[in-house]
Amino acid sequence: MGQSTPAKERLMAQQSPSQSKSNRFQSSNAEPLLQIKDLHVHYETADGAVKAVSGVNLTLYEGERLALVGESGCGKTTLALAIMRLLKPPARIVQGEIILAGRDLLKLDEEEMRLTRLQEVALVTQAAMNALNPVMRIEDQIIDGLVDHGYEETKNTFRKRIHSLLEHVGLKANVARMYPHELSGGMKQRVGMATATALQPKLIVADEPTSALDVVVQRQVMTTLGRLQKETGASVVLVGHDMGLIAQFADKVGVMYAGKLVELSPVERIVQEPLHPYSDLLLQSVPSLEAKADRLVSIPGMPPRLIDLPPGCYFAPRCPMAMPHCTQIVPELAPTRDGRYVACHLFTEPSTTAAGEVKA
């Protein structure tokens, strides 16, 4: 696994110098900002429970950037919305803990969680237009969030603050008086980032913030998000598909498959040498501009139905390296010798594999 391909070499070249040299995994002496422990999220249906997130364990430290990747339906967005506690029925958090700065978000009442959003954890949505009120001016929408969190200032003071927020995301002050329909897709996403960072939260959750944008605007939006993260010192959980953008932005990559975290690694390590066969196939499926190919590489088969998961490793039916016991024993996410984490029987003994908290 992990052979070099033109696509992988291109992804490696896209990493920033600081990414390729730093150690992504913080010292165990550091205080974690976010801890997700044994999180399970189900969607209740007439046919049974759709297990969208199954036993995810994750720890994120201050100032870190974590990207969650995987095929559609693997649980990335469900996990992101669970952190925000924005899941609605039929979704249900069955068990687990989501601890942000020492507080379990799942134990807060609705009013406490409402005040925690924007103040401590904020969301940059996938479709910015859907997150903006079409009949309110941009400045009124941002001010509404500030007032809702107890801020009382004069209209003029509020406007100066909004102008500063907009300028920080590369927008002119006159955008404050516009309506959402007057803005381009990239401008709406920047407004979303300005709103998300208005109270300088400790954690920013970005759910595929560039999915509906052209490639030029995608890079601009991600550059803006990266700059805001550095200025505020916030940690970021980024949900995405584009490995090129992720290679430029993230410190670490968490690969999800069928609701489980199957690999967690510094971004440069997973690009150079992915451990899990699924991670390797994801990278191989990235198209290359340098090498001509008769057809694109794809992952064989289809993801399992989350309402009827197979026994053993969920990826075993599609895995080119599956062994007999892979279809019988569920591999748990466990550390490797170099400190990365992988849920695969190729790297852990089935009899001794043990689940544990993962440090992102």
Protein backbone atom coordinates (compact mmCIF):
# COMPACT_ATOMS: atom_id res chain seq x y z
CA MET A 1 0.00 0.00 0.00
CA GLY A 2 0.94 3.64 -0.34
CA GLN A 3 2.86 3.44 -3.60
CA SER A 4 3.77 6.79 -5.12
CA THR A 5 1.50 8.09 -7.88
CA PRO A 6 1.46 11.39 -9.77
CA ALA A 7 -1.69 12.37 -7.85
CA LYS A 8 0.00 11.67 -4.50
CA GLU A 9 3.10 13.60 -5.50
CA ARG A 10 0.92 16.54 -6.48
CA LEU A 11 -0.87 16.43 -3.12
CA MET A 12 2.45 16.32 -1.28
CA ALA A 13 3.66 19.35 -3.23
CA GLN A 14 0.54 21.28 -2.24
CA GLN A 15 1.28 21.07 1.47
CA SER A 16 2.65 24.19 3.11
CA PRO A 17 6.23 24.10 4.49
CA SER A 18 4.97 24.41 8.05
CA GLN A 19 2.73 21.39 7.56
CA SER A 20 5.46 19.11 6.33
CA LYS A 21 7.74 19.82 9.30
CA SER A 22 5.48 20.09 12.34
CA ASN A 23 4.42 17.26 14.63
CA ARG A 24 0.62 17.08 14.44
CA PHE A 25 0.04 14.98 17.52
CA GLN A 26 0.20 17.19 20.59
CA SER A 27 1.92 16.17 23.79
CA SER A 28 -0.22 14.14 26.15
CA ASN A 29 0.49 16.85 28.76
CA ALA A 30 -1.52 19.41 26.77
CA GLU A 31 -5.15 20.01 27.70
CA PRO A 32 -7.52 18.85 24.96
CA LEU A 33 -10.08 21.29 23.61
CA LEU A 34 -12.49 18.73 22.17
CA GLN A 35 -12.99 15.12 23.21
CA ILE A 36 -15.45 12.82 21.48
CA LYS A 37 -15.91 9.56 23.34
CA ASP A 38 -17.70 6.48 21.99
CA LEU A 39 -20.19 8.55 20.00
CA HIS A 40 -23.09 6.72 18.34
CA VAL A 41 -25.68 8.49 16.18
CA HIS A 42 -28.65 6.67 14.66
CA TYR A 43 -31.38 7.72 12.25
CA GLU A 44 -34.55 5.94 13.35
CA THR A 45 -36.60 4.60 10.42
CA ALA A 46 -39.52 2.23 9.99
CA ASP A 47 -37.06 -0.46 8.85
CA GLY A 48 -34.72 0.00 11.80
CA ALA A 49 -31.83 2.17 12.97
CA VAL A 50 -29.47 3.64 10.38
CA LYS A 51 -26.12 3.71 12.22
CA ALA A 52 -24.59 6.87 10.81
CA VAL A 53 -21.86 7.21 13.46
CA SER A 54 -20.59 4.13 15.30
CA GLY A 55 -18.27 4.47 18.27
CA VAL A 56 -16.13 7.44 17.19
CA ASN A 57 -13.36 8.47 19.61
CA LEU A 58 -11.42 11.65 18.94
CA THR A 59 -9.39 14.31 20.74
CA LEU A 60 -8.55 17.71 19.30
CA TYR A 61 -6.16 20.24 20.81
CA GLU A 62 -6.14 24.02 20.68
CA GLY A 63 -5.16 25.46 17.31
CA GLU A 64 -5.31 22.14 15.43
CA ARG A 65 -6.93 21.59 12.05
CA LEU A 66 -8.59 18.22 11.52
CA ALA A 67 -10.14 17.19 8.20
CA LEU A 68 -12.72 14.41 7.98
CA VAL A 69 -12.80 12.64 4.62
CA GLY A 70 -14.58 9.69 3.08
CA GLU A 71 -17.26 8.79 0.56
CA SER A 72 -20.72 10.34 0.74
CA GLY A 73 -22.78 8.77 3.49
CA CYS A 74 -19.81 7.78 5.65
CA GLY A 75 -20.95 9.92 8.62
CA LYS A 76 -18.78 13.04 8.28
CA THR A 77 -21.58 15.62 8.28
CA THR A 78 -23.56 13.72 10.93
CA LEU A 79 -20.52 13.84 13.20
CA ALA A 80 -20.06 17.57 12.53
CA LEU A 81 -23.71 18.34 13.27
CA ALA A 82 -23.58 16.18 16.40
CA ILE A 83 -20.77 18.40 17.71
CA MET A 84 -23.03 21.42 17.13
CA ARG A 85 -26.05 19.54 18.54
CA LEU A 86 -28.01 20.51 15.45
CA LEU A 87 -29.28 17.04 14.57
CA LYS A 88 -33.04 16.78 14.28
CA PRO A 89 -35.34 13.72 14.35
CA PRO A 90 -35.18 11.08 13.10
CA ALA A 91 -31.50 11.51 14.06
CA ARG A 92 -30.70 10.58 17.64
CA ILE A 93 -27.47 10.57 19.64
CA VAL A 94 -27.67 7.12 21.21
CA GLN A 95 -24.63 7.32 23.47
CA GLY A 96 -21.30 9.02 23.94
CA GLU A 97 -19.79 12.28 25.12
CA ILE A 98 -18.80 15.47 23.31
CA ILE A 99 -16.63 17.44 25.73
CA LEU A 100 -15.68 20.97 24.69
CA ALA A 101 -13.36 22.89 27.03
CA GLY A 102 -14.28 20.61 29.92
CA ARG A 103 -18.08 20.66 29.40
CA ASP A 104 -20.08 17.77 27.97
CA LEU A 105 -22.24 19.42 25.30
CA LEU A 106 -24.69 16.53 25.41
CA LYS A 107 -25.55 17.36 29.03
CA LEU A 108 -26.39 21.02 28.40
CA ASP A 109 -30.03 22.07 28.20
CA GLU A 110 -31.31 23.77 25.04
CA GLU A 111 -30.74 27.31 26.32
CA GLU A 112 -27.18 26.56 27.47
CA MET A 113 -26.39 24.96 24.12
CA ARG A 114 -27.91 27.89 22.22
CA LEU A 115 -25.57 30.28 24.04
CA THR A 116 -22.61 27.92 23.51
CA ARG A 117 -23.09 28.06 19.75
CA LEU A 118 -21.28 31.04 18.24
CA GLN A 119 -19.67 31.83 21.61
CA GLU A 120 -17.57 28.65 21.91
CA VAL A 121 -18.32 26.56 18.83
CA ALA A 122 -19.50 27.89 15.47
CA LEU A 123 -20.57 26.34 12.19
CA VAL A 124 -19.65 27.30 8.64
CA THR A 125 -22.31 25.57 6.59
CA GLN A 126 -22.12 23.78 3.26
CA ALA A 127 -24.79 25.94 1.64
CA ALA A 128 -24.31 29.51 2.84
CA MET A 129 -27.47 30.72 1.09
CA ASN A 130 -29.57 28.37 3.22
CA ALA A 131 -27.96 29.73 6.38
CA LEU A 132 -28.75 33.37 5.57
CA ASN A 133 -32.13 35.03 5.95
CA PRO A 134 -33.08 36.22 2.44
CA VAL A 135 -35.09 39.22 3.70
CA MET A 136 -32.50 40.63 6.13
CA ARG A 137 -29.45 42.70 5.35
CA ILE A 138 -26.10 41.07 6.18
CA GLU A 139 -25.28 43.44 9.04
CA ASP A 140 -28.68 42.90 10.66
CA GLN A 141 -28.17 39.13 10.62
CA ILE A 142 -24.77 39.34 12.29
CA ILE A 143 -26.01 41.90 14.81
CA ASP A 144 -28.96 39.64 15.60
CA GLY A 145 -26.54 36.91 16.66
CA LEU A 146 -24.54 39.30 18.84
CA VAL A 147 -27.64 40.66 20.55
CA ASP A 148 -28.90 37.12 21.09
CA HIS A 149 -25.73 36.45 23.08
CA GLY A 150 -26.18 39.46 25.32
CA TYR A 151 -24.18 42.13 23.49
CA GLU A 152 -25.66 45.63 23.86
CA GLU A 153 -24.03 48.37 21.79
CA THR A 154 -25.11 51.37 19.79
CA LYS A 155 -26.07 50.89 16.14
CA ASN A 156 -22.97 52.79 15.07
CA THR A 157 -20.67 50.65 17.25
CA PHE A 158 -22.28 47.49 15.93
CA ARG A 159 -21.76 48.67 12.36
CA LYS A 160 -18.08 49.37 12.95
CA ARG A 161 -17.71 45.88 14.38
CA ILE A 162 -19.51 44.31 11.40
CA HIS A 163 -17.36 46.27 8.94
CA SER A 164 -14.23 44.98 10.69
CA LEU A 165 -15.50 41.39 10.55
CA LEU A 166 -16.27 41.67 6.86
CA GLU A 167 -12.90 43.23 6.06
CA HIS A 168 -11.19 40.36 7.87
CA VAL A 169 -12.76 37.91 5.42
CA GLY A 170 -11.89 40.02 2.38
CA LEU A 171 -15.23 41.77 1.87
CA LYS A 172 -15.87 45.50 1.53
CA ALA A 173 -17.80 47.36 4.20
CA ASN A 174 -20.71 48.06 1.84
CA VAL A 175 -21.54 44.32 1.83
CA ALA A 176 -23.06 44.91 5.27
CA ARG A 177 -26.03 46.72 3.70
CA MET A 178 -26.65 44.08 1.03
CA TYR A 179 -29.09 41.19 0.96
CA PRO A 180 -27.91 37.60 0.43
CA HIS A 181 -29.25 37.42 -3.15
CA GLU A 182 -26.94 40.29 -4.10
CA LEU A 183 -23.83 38.28 -3.21
CA SER A 184 -21.94 35.61 -5.14
CA GLY A 185 -21.46 32.13 -3.72
CA GLY A 186 -17.96 32.93 -2.52
CA MET A 187 -19.11 36.17 -0.89
CA LYS A 188 -21.89 34.34 0.94
CA GLN A 189 -19.38 31.80 2.29
CA ARG A 190 -17.18 34.65 3.51
CA VAL A 191 -20.18 36.18 5.26
CA GLY A 192 -20.71 32.79 6.88
CA MET A 193 -17.12 32.81 8.13
CA ALA A 194 -17.46 36.39 9.40
CA THR A 195 -20.57 35.37 11.32
CA ALA A 196 -18.93 32.21 12.68
CA THR A 197 -15.93 34.14 14.04
CA ALA A 198 -17.87 37.15 15.35
CA LEU A 199 -17.41 36.03 18.97
CA GLN A 200 -14.06 34.29 18.41
CA PRO A 201 -15.17 30.74 19.26
CA LYS A 202 -12.71 28.10 20.41
CA LEU A 203 -13.84 25.64 17.74
CA ILE A 204 -14.99 26.15 14.14
CA VAL A 205 -16.84 23.32 12.39
CA ALA A 206 -16.74 23.76 8.61
CA ASP A 207 -19.05 21.41 6.73
CA GLU A 208 -17.82 21.24 3.12
CA PRO A 209 -17.64 25.05 2.87
CA THR A 210 -16.39 24.99 -0.75
CA SER A 211 -18.57 22.27 -2.29
CA ALA A 212 -20.70 24.61 -4.44
CA LEU A 213 -17.89 26.94 -5.55
CA ASP A 214 -15.55 26.99 -8.55
CA VAL A 215 -11.93 25.99 -8.00
CA VAL A 216 -10.55 29.54 -7.86
CA VAL A 217 -13.08 30.65 -5.24
CA GLN A 218 -12.56 27.40 -3.32
CA ARG A 219 -8.92 28.24 -2.77
CA GLN A 220 -9.75 31.81 -1.77
CA VAL A 221 -12.32 30.65 0.76
CA MET A 222 -9.94 28.07 2.28
CA THR A 223 -7.13 30.64 2.45
CA THR A 224 -9.48 33.00 4.29
CA LEU A 225 -10.55 30.25 6.69
CA GLY A 226 -6.93 29.38 7.39
CA ARG A 227 -6.04 33.01 8.10
CA LEU A 228 -9.02 33.43 10.43
CA GLN A 229 -8.05 30.27 12.27
CA LYS A 230 -4.52 31.58 12.84
CA GLU A 231 -5.75 35.00 13.98
CA THR A 232 -8.29 33.62 16.44
CA GLY A 233 -6.33 30.56 17.57
CA ALA A 234 -9.43 28.41 17.11
CA SER A 235 -9.35 24.72 16.30
CA VAL A 236 -11.06 23.59 13.10
CA VAL A 237 -12.95 20.45 12.15
CA LEU A 238 -13.24 20.48 8.36
CA VAL A 239 -15.54 18.12 6.47
CA GLY A 240 -14.44 17.76 2.86
CA HIS A 241 -13.94 15.66 -0.26
CA ASP A 242 -11.23 17.57 -2.11
CA MET A 243 -7.90 16.02 -1.08
CA GLY A 244 -6.03 18.86 -2.77
CA LEU A 245 -7.62 21.50 -0.56
CA ILE A 246 -7.31 19.28 2.49
CA ALA A 247 -3.59 18.73 1.82
CA GLN A 248 -3.11 22.50 1.87
CA PHE A 249 -5.27 23.21 4.91
CA ALA A 250 -5.35 20.36 7.42
CA ASP A 251 -2.83 19.28 10.02
CA LYS A 252 -4.39 15.85 10.36
CA VAL A 253 -6.82 13.71 8.42
CA GLY A 254 -9.46 11.43 9.86
CA VAL A 255 -10.75 8.89 7.32
CA MET A 256 -14.32 7.72 7.95
CA TYR A 257 -16.03 4.67 6.49
CA ALA A 258 -19.56 3.47 7.26
CA GLY A 259 -19.78 5.62 10.39
CA LYS A 260 -16.41 4.60 11.82
CA LEU A 261 -13.05 6.34 11.98
CA VAL A 262 -10.68 3.94 10.20
CA GLU A 263 -7.50 6.00 10.10
CA LEU A 264 -6.13 9.12 11.78
CA SER A 265 -2.81 10.53 10.65
CA PRO A 266 -0.83 13.73 10.04
CA VAL A 267 -1.75 14.90 6.56
CA GLU A 268 1.73 14.49 5.07
CA ARG A 269 2.01 10.92 6.39
CA ILE A 270 -1.34 9.80 5.02
CA VAL A 271 -0.50 11.29 1.61
CA GLN A 272 2.93 9.63 1.54
CA GLU A 273 1.96 6.30 3.08
CA PRO A 274 -1.71 5.60 3.84
CA LEU A 275 -2.14 2.65 6.17
CA HIS A 276 -5.75 1.57 5.77
CA PRO A 277 -6.58 0.02 2.36
CA TYR A 278 -9.57 2.34 2.10
CA SER A 279 -7.36 5.41 2.63
CA ASP A 280 -5.01 4.15 -0.05
CA LEU A 281 -7.84 3.63 -2.53
CA LEU A 282 -9.23 7.10 -1.79
CA LEU A 283 -5.87 8.62 -2.71
CA GLN A 284 -5.54 6.48 -5.81
CA SER A 285 -8.94 7.74 -6.98
CA VAL A 286 -7.69 11.35 -7.04
CA PRO A 287 -7.34 12.24 -10.76
CA SER A 288 -3.93 13.36 -11.98
CA LEU A 289 -3.31 16.18 -14.42
CA GLU A 290 0.19 14.91 -15.21
CA ALA A 291 -0.41 11.25 -16.02
CA LYS A 292 -2.76 10.20 -18.79
CA ALA A 293 -5.08 7.30 -18.04
CA ASP A 294 -7.66 5.44 -20.09
CA ARG A 295 -10.09 5.57 -17.17
CA LEU A 296 -10.29 6.99 -13.67
CA VAL A 297 -9.48 4.75 -10.72
CA SER A 298 -12.49 3.98 -8.53
CA ILE A 299 -13.06 1.96 -5.38
CA PRO A 300 -14.75 -1.34 -6.31
CA GLY A 301 -18.16 -2.14 -4.90
CA MET A 302 -20.49 0.05 -2.86
CA PRO A 303 -20.51 1.18 0.79
CA PRO A 304 -22.65 -1.04 3.03
CA ARG A 305 -26.20 -0.16 3.99
CA LEU A 306 -25.93 1.48 7.41
CA ILE A 307 -29.17 -0.21 8.42
CA ASP A 308 -27.70 -3.66 7.71
CA LEU A 309 -23.96 -3.54 8.40
CA PRO A 310 -21.88 -6.66 7.63
CA PRO A 311 -20.07 -8.58 10.37
CA GLY A 312 -16.39 -7.91 10.98
CA CYS A 313 -14.67 -5.08 9.17
CA TYR A 314 -17.23 -3.01 7.25
CA PHE A 315 -14.75 -2.48 4.41
CA ALA A 316 -13.86 -6.18 4.05
CA PRO A 317 -16.30 -6.89 1.15
CA ARG A 318 -14.52 -4.22 -0.95
CA CYS A 319 -11.00 -4.62 0.39
CA PRO A 320 -8.33 -6.06 -1.93
CA MET A 321 -6.28 -7.17 1.09
CA ALA A 322 -9.04 -8.76 3.17
CA MET A 323 -8.15 -11.85 5.21
CA PRO A 324 -10.57 -14.54 6.43
CA HIS A 325 -10.91 -13.12 9.93
CA CYS A 326 -11.63 -9.62 8.55
CA THR A 327 -15.21 -10.73 7.86
CA GLN A 328 -15.64 -11.97 11.44
CA ILE A 329 -13.80 -9.63 13.81
CA VAL A 330 -14.33 -5.86 13.99
CA PRO A 331 -10.95 -4.05 14.00
CA GLU A 332 -10.75 -1.25 16.57
CA LEU A 333 -8.90 2.01 16.02
CA ALA A 334 -5.52 1.47 17.65
CA PRO A 335 -2.12 3.21 17.65
CA THR A 336 0.69 2.05 15.38
CA ARG A 337 4.39 2.15 16.23
CA ASP A 338 4.77 5.64 14.76
CA GLY A 339 1.86 7.08 16.73
CA ARG A 340 -0.73 7.04 13.96
CA TYR A 341 -4.07 5.31 14.37
CA VAL A 342 -5.63 2.71 12.12
CA ALA A 343 -8.50 0.22 12.36
CA CYS A 344 -7.19 -2.66 10.27
CA HIS A 345 -6.15 -6.23 11.03
CA LEU A 346 -3.08 -5.74 8.82
CA PHE A 347 -1.55 -3.65 11.61
CA THR A 348 -3.07 -5.07 14.80
CA GLU A 349 -3.51 -8.53 16.21
CA PRO A 350 -7.23 -9.40 16.29
CA SER A 351 -6.91 -10.96 19.74
CA THR A 352 -5.19 -7.97 21.30
CA THR A 353 -6.78 -5.04 19.48
CA ALA A 354 -8.38 -2.70 22.00
CA ALA A 355 -10.44 0.43 21.59
CA GLY A 356 -9.16 3.60 23.14
CA GLU A 357 -9.40 7.35 23.08
CA VAL A 358 -7.74 8.76 20.03
CA LYS A 359 -5.62 11.87 20.17
CA ALA A 360 -6.10 13.97 17.09
